[in-house]
């Protein structure tokens, strides 16, 4: 399994628009990507956002990256982001 954590850099004052756009994307990912185990938007008490992602394998990650709904969502984030996401990728270690 592959885990991805994406810290989202949202412009101050753009949080409501960001949440609306991101939650729409979360719904599409979860409905249309069978290799996704978990894909969710999280917010801490300071108003910082991250997306937690868990995929079955590399093929599922590539399907997500190349999905039409991810590409189509791009314009909805224009003007509301303070910078690109900070992405960390992990291999999930499984006990055998």
Protein backbone atom coordinates (compact mmCIF):
# COMPACT_ATOMS: atom_id res chain seq x y z
CA UNK A 1 0.00 0.00 0.00
CA UNK A 2 1.02 3.59 -0.58
CA UNK A 3 0.14 6.50 1.70
CA UNK A 4 0.27 10.12 0.59
CA UNK A 5 -0.14 13.21 2.74
CA UNK A 6 -0.61 16.49 0.90
CA UNK A 7 -0.40 19.69 2.95
CA UNK A 8 -2.64 22.19 1.19
CA UNK A 9 -1.51 25.83 1.19
CA UNK A 10 -4.74 27.83 1.08
CA UNK A 11 -4.84 31.63 0.81
CA UNK A 12 -6.24 33.26 3.91
CA UNK A 13 -9.90 34.13 3.34
CA UNK A 14 -10.33 31.47 0.64
CA UNK A 15 -11.12 28.61 3.01
CA UNK A 16 -14.86 28.28 2.20
CA UNK A 17 -14.23 28.15 -1.56
CA UNK A 18 -11.33 25.74 -1.06
CA UNK A 19 -13.42 23.39 1.10
CA UNK A 20 -16.25 23.38 -1.44
CA UNK A 21 -13.90 22.58 -4.34
CA UNK A 22 -11.84 20.05 -2.42
CA UNK A 23 -14.82 18.19 -0.98
CA UNK A 24 -16.31 17.90 -4.47
CA UNK A 25 -13.04 16.35 -5.63
CA UNK A 26 -12.93 14.02 -2.60
CA UNK A 27 -16.39 12.74 -3.52
CA UNK A 28 -15.38 12.09 -7.14
CA UNK A 29 -12.18 10.32 -6.15
CA UNK A 30 -13.96 8.05 -3.69
CA UNK A 31 -16.75 7.22 -6.17
CA UNK A 32 -14.59 6.69 -9.26
CA UNK A 33 -11.25 5.23 -8.18
CA UNK A 34 -11.46 1.59 -7.08
CA UNK A 35 -7.80 1.46 -5.95
CA UNK A 36 -8.34 4.20 -3.38
CA UNK A 37 -8.68 2.87 0.15
CA UNK A 38 -9.04 6.32 1.74
CA UNK A 39 -9.05 9.86 0.36
CA UNK A 40 -10.14 12.61 2.71
CA UNK A 41 -9.75 16.28 3.54
CA UNK A 42 -8.63 17.13 7.08
CA UNK A 43 -8.38 20.44 8.95
CA UNK A 44 -6.59 21.07 12.23
CA UNK A 45 -7.63 23.50 14.98
CA UNK A 46 -5.42 26.20 13.43
CA UNK A 47 -7.24 26.03 10.09
CA UNK A 48 -4.48 24.16 8.25
CA UNK A 49 -5.53 21.58 5.65
CA UNK A 50 -4.15 18.30 4.46
CA UNK A 51 -5.39 15.52 2.26
CA UNK A 52 -4.82 12.00 3.53
CA UNK A 53 -4.61 9.38 0.79
CA UNK A 54 -4.22 5.61 0.92
CA UNK A 55 -3.88 3.53 -2.25
CA UNK A 56 -3.74 -0.21 -2.87
CA UNK A 57 -0.69 0.05 -5.14
CA UNK A 58 1.27 2.20 -7.59
CA UNK A 59 -1.27 1.57 -10.36
CA UNK A 60 -3.97 3.17 -8.18
CA UNK A 61 -1.74 6.20 -7.55
CA UNK A 62 -1.13 6.63 -11.28
CA UNK A 63 -4.84 6.23 -12.02
CA UNK A 64 -5.55 9.03 -9.54
CA UNK A 65 -2.85 11.35 -10.92
CA UNK A 66 -4.09 10.85 -14.49
CA UNK A 67 -7.84 10.89 -13.75
CA UNK A 68 -10.08 13.22 -15.70
CA UNK A 69 -11.83 14.46 -12.54
CA UNK A 70 -8.50 15.48 -10.97
CA UNK A 71 -7.50 17.37 -14.11
CA UNK A 72 -10.96 18.98 -14.35
CA UNK A 73 -10.78 20.14 -10.71
CA UNK A 74 -7.63 22.20 -11.30
CA UNK A 75 -9.34 25.41 -12.42
CA UNK A 76 -11.58 25.45 -9.33
CA UNK A 77 -8.46 26.02 -7.19
CA UNK A 78 -7.15 28.94 -9.25
CA UNK A 79 -6.69 32.05 -7.12
CA UNK A 80 -7.38 30.34 -3.79
CA UNK A 81 -4.08 28.56 -3.23
CA UNK A 82 -1.05 30.22 -1.62
CA UNK A 83 1.26 27.70 -3.27
CA UNK A 84 1.46 24.12 -4.48
CA UNK A 85 0.68 21.27 -2.10
CA UNK A 86 3.55 19.85 -0.07
CA UNK A 87 3.40 16.14 -0.81
CA UNK A 88 4.90 13.35 1.24
CA UNK A 89 4.71 9.77 0.07
CA UNK A 90 5.13 6.66 2.22
CA UNK A 91 5.21 2.91 1.77
CA UNK A 92 2.83 1.27 4.23
CA UNK A 93 4.65 -1.50 6.05
CA UNK A 94 2.51 -4.54 6.60
CA UNK A 95 3.05 -7.19 9.22
CA UNK A 96 3.29 -10.63 7.67
